[in-house]
Amino acid sequence: MALVTSVFVGLLFFGATYLILARSFIRLILGLSLLSNAVNLLIFTAGGFQRFSPPLVSVGGSNVAIERISDPLPQALVLTAIVISFGILSFALALTYRVIKVTRSDNMNTLSEGS
């Protein structure tokens, strides 16, 4: 399972790099979205796929050995990264909308020409 996910993460990084290097604002936004999803999946994969108990201690319940508790740090990092990437992508979409409205073009070369 980890091998398949690692290959998929590599494909996402490849697609994100291709889209970011294109000279289009929309492709840049899609590339940033793919890149953030690839990083999130990479962090989640690094946490492992073992089915352990959740890191909760119930009142009066049986205690589970620490070795059998899943690590909550990768899930917390991914959740935080999803929220941050949503905010960044929303801001980038607003900027892209404004640039396309002013320049009437989706091409990044029109900004360097000064039109």
N, C-alpha and C. Protein backbone atom coordinates (compact mmCIF):
# COMPACT_ATOMS: atom_id res chain seq x y z
N MET A 1 0.82 -1.20 0.00
CA MET A 1 0.00 0.00 0.00
C MET A 1 0.86 1.26 0.00
N ALA A 2 1.95 1.22 0.76
CA ALA A 2 2.83 2.38 0.82
C ALA A 2 3.54 2.61 -0.51
N LEU A 3 3.84 1.53 -1.23
CA LEU A 3 4.50 1.67 -2.53
C LEU A 3 3.58 2.33 -3.54
N VAL A 4 2.33 1.91 -3.57
CA VAL A 4 1.35 2.51 -4.50
C VAL A 4 1.14 3.98 -4.17
N THR A 5 1.04 4.30 -2.90
CA THR A 5 0.85 5.69 -2.50
C THR A 5 2.08 6.53 -2.82
N SER A 6 3.26 5.96 -2.66
CA SER A 6 4.48 6.70 -2.98
C SER A 6 4.58 6.99 -4.47
N VAL A 7 4.21 6.03 -5.30
CA VAL A 7 4.19 6.27 -6.75
C VAL A 7 3.17 7.34 -7.09
N PHE A 8 2.02 7.29 -6.46
CA PHE A 8 0.98 8.29 -6.71
C PHE A 8 1.44 9.68 -6.28
N VAL A 9 2.15 9.78 -5.16
CA VAL A 9 2.70 11.06 -4.71
C VAL A 9 3.71 11.58 -5.74
N GLY A 10 4.54 10.70 -6.26
CA GLY A 10 5.50 11.10 -7.30
C GLY A 10 4.81 11.62 -8.54
N LEU A 11 3.74 10.96 -8.95
CA LEU A 11 2.98 11.43 -10.12
C LEU A 11 2.33 12.79 -9.85
N LEU A 12 1.84 12.98 -8.64
CA LEU A 12 1.26 14.28 -8.29
C LEU A 12 2.32 15.38 -8.31
N PHE A 13 3.52 15.09 -7.80
CA PHE A 13 4.61 16.07 -7.85
C PHE A 13 4.99 16.38 -9.30
N PHE A 14 5.04 15.36 -10.14
CA PHE A 14 5.37 15.57 -11.55
C PHE A 14 4.32 16.45 -12.22
N GLY A 15 3.04 16.13 -12.00
CA GLY A 15 1.97 16.94 -12.59
C GLY A 15 1.97 18.36 -12.07
N ALA A 16 2.24 18.53 -10.79
CA ALA A 16 2.27 19.87 -10.21
C ALA A 16 3.42 20.68 -10.78
N THR A 17 4.58 20.06 -10.94
CA THR A 17 5.73 20.76 -11.53
C THR A 17 5.44 21.18 -12.96
N TYR A 18 4.82 20.29 -13.72
CA TYR A 18 4.47 20.61 -15.11
C TYR A 18 3.50 21.79 -15.17
N LEU A 19 2.49 21.78 -14.32
CA LEU A 19 1.50 22.85 -14.35
C LEU A 19 2.06 24.17 -13.85
N ILE A 20 2.93 24.13 -12.85
CA ILE A 20 3.50 25.37 -12.32
C ILE A 20 4.44 26.03 -13.34
N LEU A 21 5.14 25.23 -14.13
CA LEU A 21 6.06 25.78 -15.12
C LEU A 21 5.36 26.30 -16.37
N ALA A 22 4.08 26.06 -16.53
CA ALA A 22 3.33 26.58 -17.68
C ALA A 22 3.16 28.08 -17.52
N ARG A 23 2.93 28.79 -18.61
CA ARG A 23 2.83 30.25 -18.57
C ARG A 23 1.37 30.69 -18.50
N SER A 24 0.59 30.06 -17.67
CA SER A 24 -0.82 30.38 -17.52
C SER A 24 -1.15 30.49 -16.04
N PHE A 25 -1.96 31.50 -15.70
CA PHE A 25 -2.31 31.69 -14.29
C PHE A 25 -3.20 30.55 -13.78
N ILE A 26 -4.13 30.10 -14.60
CA ILE A 26 -5.03 29.03 -14.17
C ILE A 26 -4.25 27.74 -13.94
N ARG A 27 -3.31 27.44 -14.83
CA ARG A 27 -2.49 26.24 -14.64
C ARG A 27 -1.60 26.37 -13.41
N LEU A 28 -1.15 27.58 -13.13
CA LEU A 28 -0.36 27.81 -11.92
C LEU A 28 -1.18 27.51 -10.67
N ILE A 29 -2.42 27.96 -10.65
CA ILE A 29 -3.31 27.69 -9.51
C ILE A 29 -3.56 26.18 -9.36
N LEU A 30 -3.83 25.51 -10.49
CA LEU A 30 -4.04 24.06 -10.43
C LEU A 30 -2.78 23.33 -9.98
N GLY A 31 -1.61 23.81 -10.42
CA GLY A 31 -0.35 23.21 -9.99
C GLY A 31 -0.11 23.39 -8.50
N LEU A 32 -0.43 24.57 -7.97
CA LEU A 32 -0.29 24.78 -6.53
C LEU A 32 -1.23 23.88 -5.74
N SER A 33 -2.42 23.68 -6.27
CA SER A 33 -3.38 22.79 -5.61
C SER A 33 -2.87 21.35 -5.61
N LEU A 34 -2.36 20.90 -6.76
CA LEU A 34 -1.81 19.55 -6.83
C LEU A 34 -0.60 19.40 -5.91
N LEU A 35 0.24 20.42 -5.86
CA LEU A 35 1.42 20.36 -5.01
C LEU A 35 1.05 20.26 -3.54
N SER A 36 0.08 21.04 -3.11
CA SER A 36 -0.33 20.96 -1.70
C SER A 36 -0.96 19.61 -1.38
N ASN A 37 -1.72 19.06 -2.32
CA ASN A 37 -2.30 17.73 -2.09
C ASN A 37 -1.21 16.65 -2.06
N ALA A 38 -0.19 16.80 -2.90
CA ALA A 38 0.90 15.82 -2.91
C ALA A 38 1.68 15.87 -1.60
N VAL A 39 1.94 17.06 -1.09
CA VAL A 39 2.66 17.18 0.18
C VAL A 39 1.83 16.61 1.32
N ASN A 40 0.53 16.88 1.32
CA ASN A 40 -0.35 16.33 2.36
C ASN A 40 -0.34 14.81 2.32
N LEU A 41 -0.43 14.24 1.13
CA LEU A 41 -0.42 12.78 1.00
C LEU A 41 0.94 12.21 1.40
N LEU A 42 2.02 12.93 1.11
CA LEU A 42 3.35 12.49 1.51
C LEU A 42 3.49 12.46 3.03
N ILE A 43 3.01 13.49 3.70
CA ILE A 43 3.08 13.52 5.17
C ILE A 43 2.21 12.42 5.76
N PHE A 44 1.04 12.22 5.17
CA PHE A 44 0.14 11.18 5.67
C PHE A 44 0.74 9.79 5.46
N THR A 45 1.41 9.59 4.32
CA THR A 45 2.06 8.31 4.06
C THR A 45 3.24 8.08 5.00
N ALA A 46 3.97 9.14 5.31
CA ALA A 46 5.12 9.01 6.21
C ALA A 46 4.67 8.59 7.61
N GLY A 47 3.43 8.90 7.97
CA GLY A 47 2.91 8.51 9.28
C GLY A 47 2.64 7.03 9.40
N GLY A 48 2.53 6.33 8.29
CA GLY A 48 2.30 4.89 8.31
C GLY A 48 0.83 4.54 8.14
N PHE A 49 0.60 3.27 7.77
CA PHE A 49 -0.76 2.81 7.51
C PHE A 49 -1.22 1.74 8.50
N GLN A 50 -0.57 1.64 9.64
CA GLN A 50 -0.96 0.62 10.60
C GLN A 50 -2.30 0.97 11.22
N ARG A 51 -3.07 -0.06 11.50
CA ARG A 51 -4.36 0.15 12.17
C ARG A 51 -4.17 -0.05 13.66
N PHE A 52 -3.89 1.05 14.31
CA PHE A 52 -3.73 1.02 15.76
C PHE A 52 -4.93 1.68 16.41
N SER A 53 -4.93 1.67 17.71
CA SER A 53 -6.00 2.31 18.47
C SER A 53 -5.86 3.82 18.38
N PRO A 54 -6.97 4.53 18.46
CA PRO A 54 -6.86 6.00 18.47
C PRO A 54 -6.21 6.47 19.76
N PRO A 55 -5.57 7.63 19.73
CA PRO A 55 -4.86 8.11 20.93
C PRO A 55 -5.80 8.73 21.94
N LEU A 56 -6.81 7.99 22.35
CA LEU A 56 -7.78 8.46 23.34
C LEU A 56 -7.74 7.54 24.55
N VAL A 57 -7.85 8.13 25.70
CA VAL A 57 -7.90 7.35 26.94
C VAL A 57 -9.30 7.53 27.51
N SER A 58 -10.02 6.43 27.60
CA SER A 58 -11.39 6.51 28.11
C SER A 58 -11.38 6.47 29.64
N VAL A 59 -12.40 7.08 30.21
CA VAL A 59 -12.53 7.11 31.66
C VAL A 59 -13.00 5.73 32.12
N GLY A 60 -12.21 5.10 32.93
CA GLY A 60 -12.57 3.78 33.45
C GLY A 60 -12.38 2.67 32.45
N GLY A 61 -11.87 2.98 31.28
CA GLY A 61 -11.66 1.96 30.25
C GLY A 61 -10.30 1.32 30.38
N SER A 62 -10.08 0.35 29.53
CA SER A 62 -8.78 -0.32 29.56
C SER A 62 -7.73 0.55 28.87
N ASN A 63 -6.56 0.56 29.43
CA ASN A 63 -5.47 1.32 28.84
C ASN A 63 -4.79 0.49 27.77
N VAL A 64 -4.40 1.14 26.70
CA VAL A 64 -3.73 0.47 25.59
C VAL A 64 -2.24 0.79 25.69
N ALA A 65 -1.41 -0.17 25.33
CA ALA A 65 0.03 0.06 25.35
C ALA A 65 0.39 1.17 24.37
N ILE A 66 1.42 1.93 24.70
CA ILE A 66 1.81 3.06 23.86
C ILE A 66 2.22 2.60 22.47
N GLU A 67 2.79 1.41 22.35
CA GLU A 67 3.21 0.91 21.04
C GLU A 67 2.02 0.65 20.12
N ARG A 68 0.83 0.48 20.68
CA ARG A 68 -0.35 0.16 19.87
C ARG A 68 -1.23 1.38 19.62
N ILE A 69 -0.72 2.58 19.91
CA ILE A 69 -1.49 3.81 19.68
C ILE A 69 -0.94 4.49 18.43
N SER A 70 -1.83 4.89 17.54
CA SER A 70 -1.38 5.56 16.32
C SER A 70 -0.89 6.97 16.64
N ASP A 71 0.06 7.43 15.85
CA ASP A 71 0.67 8.74 16.07
C ASP A 71 -0.28 9.82 15.52
N PRO A 72 -0.76 10.73 16.36
CA PRO A 72 -1.71 11.74 15.87
C PRO A 72 -1.04 12.93 15.19
N LEU A 73 0.29 13.03 15.25
CA LEU A 73 0.97 14.20 14.70
C LEU A 73 0.82 14.33 13.18
N PRO A 74 1.00 13.27 12.38
CA PRO A 74 0.81 13.45 10.93
C PRO A 74 -0.61 13.88 10.56
N GLN A 75 -1.61 13.34 11.24
CA GLN A 75 -2.98 13.74 10.95
C GLN A 75 -3.21 15.20 11.30
N ALA A 76 -2.65 15.65 12.41
CA ALA A 76 -2.80 17.05 12.80
C ALA A 76 -2.08 17.97 11.82
N LEU A 77 -0.90 17.58 11.38
CA LEU A 77 -0.16 18.38 10.40
C LEU A 77 -0.91 18.48 9.08
N VAL A 78 -1.47 17.36 8.62
CA VAL A 78 -2.21 17.36 7.35
C VAL A 78 -3.47 18.20 7.47
N LEU A 79 -4.16 18.10 8.58
CA LEU A 79 -5.37 18.91 8.76
C LEU A 79 -5.04 20.39 8.76
N THR A 80 -3.97 20.78 9.42
CA THR A 80 -3.54 22.18 9.42
C THR A 80 -3.11 22.61 8.02
N ALA A 81 -2.40 21.74 7.32
CA ALA A 81 -1.95 22.07 5.97
C ALA A 81 -3.11 22.22 5.00
N ILE A 82 -4.16 21.44 5.18
CA ILE A 82 -5.34 21.57 4.31
C ILE A 82 -5.99 22.93 4.50
N VAL A 83 -6.12 23.36 5.73
CA VAL A 83 -6.73 24.66 6.01
C VAL A 83 -5.87 25.80 5.46
N ILE A 84 -4.56 25.72 5.66
CA ILE A 84 -3.67 26.77 5.17
C ILE A 84 -3.66 26.79 3.64
N SER A 85 -3.61 25.64 3.00
CA SER A 85 -3.59 25.61 1.54
C SER A 85 -4.91 26.11 0.96
N PHE A 86 -6.02 25.86 1.65
CA PHE A 86 -7.29 26.40 1.18
C PHE A 86 -7.28 27.93 1.20
N GLY A 87 -6.74 28.51 2.26
CA GLY A 87 -6.65 29.96 2.34
C GLY A 87 -5.73 30.54 1.28
N ILE A 88 -4.58 29.90 1.07
CA ILE A 88 -3.64 30.39 0.06
C ILE A 88 -4.23 30.28 -1.33
N LEU A 89 -4.89 29.17 -1.63
CA LEU A 89 -5.49 29.00 -2.95
C LEU A 89 -6.64 29.96 -3.18
N SER A 90 -7.40 30.26 -2.14
CA SER A 90 -8.48 31.25 -2.29
C SER A 90 -7.90 32.63 -2.59
N PHE A 91 -6.83 32.99 -1.90
CA PHE A 91 -6.17 34.27 -2.15
C PHE A 91 -5.57 34.31 -3.55
N ALA A 92 -4.95 33.22 -3.98
CA ALA A 92 -4.37 33.16 -5.32
C ALA A 92 -5.46 33.24 -6.39
N LEU A 93 -6.61 32.63 -6.15
CA LEU A 93 -7.71 32.73 -7.11
C LEU A 93 -8.22 34.16 -7.21
N ALA A 94 -8.30 34.86 -6.09
CA ALA A 94 -8.75 36.26 -6.11
C ALA A 94 -7.75 37.13 -6.87
N LEU A 95 -6.46 36.92 -6.64
CA LEU A 95 -5.44 37.68 -7.37
C LEU A 95 -5.47 37.36 -8.86
N THR A 96 -5.64 36.09 -9.19
CA THR A 96 -5.70 35.70 -10.60
C THR A 96 -6.91 36.30 -11.28
N TYR A 97 -8.03 36.31 -10.60
CA TYR A 97 -9.24 36.92 -11.17
C TYR A 97 -9.00 38.39 -11.47
N ARG A 98 -8.36 39.08 -10.55
CA ARG A 98 -8.09 40.51 -10.74
C ARG A 98 -7.10 40.75 -11.89
N VAL A 99 -6.06 39.94 -11.97
CA VAL A 99 -5.07 40.09 -13.04
C VAL A 99 -5.70 39.82 -14.40
N ILE A 100 -6.52 38.78 -14.49
CA ILE A 100 -7.17 38.47 -15.76
C ILE A 100 -8.16 39.56 -16.13
N LYS A 101 -8.83 40.12 -15.14
CA LYS A 101 -9.79 41.19 -15.42
C LYS A 101 -9.08 42.45 -15.92
N VAL A 102 -7.92 42.77 -15.36
CA VAL A 102 -7.20 43.98 -15.77
C VAL A 102 -6.47 43.79 -17.10
N THR A 103 -5.76 42.67 -17.25
CA THR A 103 -4.95 42.46 -18.46
C THR A 103 -5.71 41.79 -19.59
N ARG A 104 -6.86 41.23 -19.31
CA ARG A 104 -7.67 40.49 -20.28
C ARG A 104 -6.89 39.35 -20.93
N SER A 105 -6.00 38.76 -20.15
CA SER A 105 -5.20 37.66 -20.65
C SER A 105 -4.85 36.73 -19.50
N ASP A 106 -4.69 35.46 -19.84
CA ASP A 106 -4.30 34.45 -18.86
C ASP A 106 -2.80 34.17 -18.92
N ASN A 107 -2.12 34.76 -19.87
CA ASN A 107 -0.71 34.50 -20.09
C ASN A 107 0.15 35.37 -19.18
N MET A 108 1.17 34.77 -18.58
CA MET A 108 2.05 35.52 -17.69
C MET A 108 2.99 36.46 -18.45
N ASN A 109 3.21 36.20 -19.72
CA ASN A 109 4.10 37.06 -20.51
C ASN A 109 3.52 38.45 -20.69
N THR A 110 2.20 38.60 -20.59
CA THR A 110 1.60 39.93 -20.76
C THR A 110 1.96 40.84 -19.60
N LEU A 111 2.25 40.28 -18.43
CA LEU A 111 2.67 41.11 -17.30
C LEU A 111 4.08 41.65 -17.49
N SER A 112 4.96 40.85 -18.08
CA SER A 112 6.33 41.31 -18.26
C SER A 112 6.45 42.32 -19.40
N GLU A 113 5.48 42.32 -20.32
CA GLU A 113 5.50 43.29 -21.42
C GLU A 113 5.01 44.65 -20.98
N GLY A 114 4.27 44.72 -19.91
CA GLY A 114 3.79 45.99 -19.39
C GLY A 114 2.53 46.49 -20.06
N SER A 115 1.74 45.61 -20.63
CA SER A 115 0.50 46.04 -21.27
C SER A 115 -0.56 46.02 -20.28
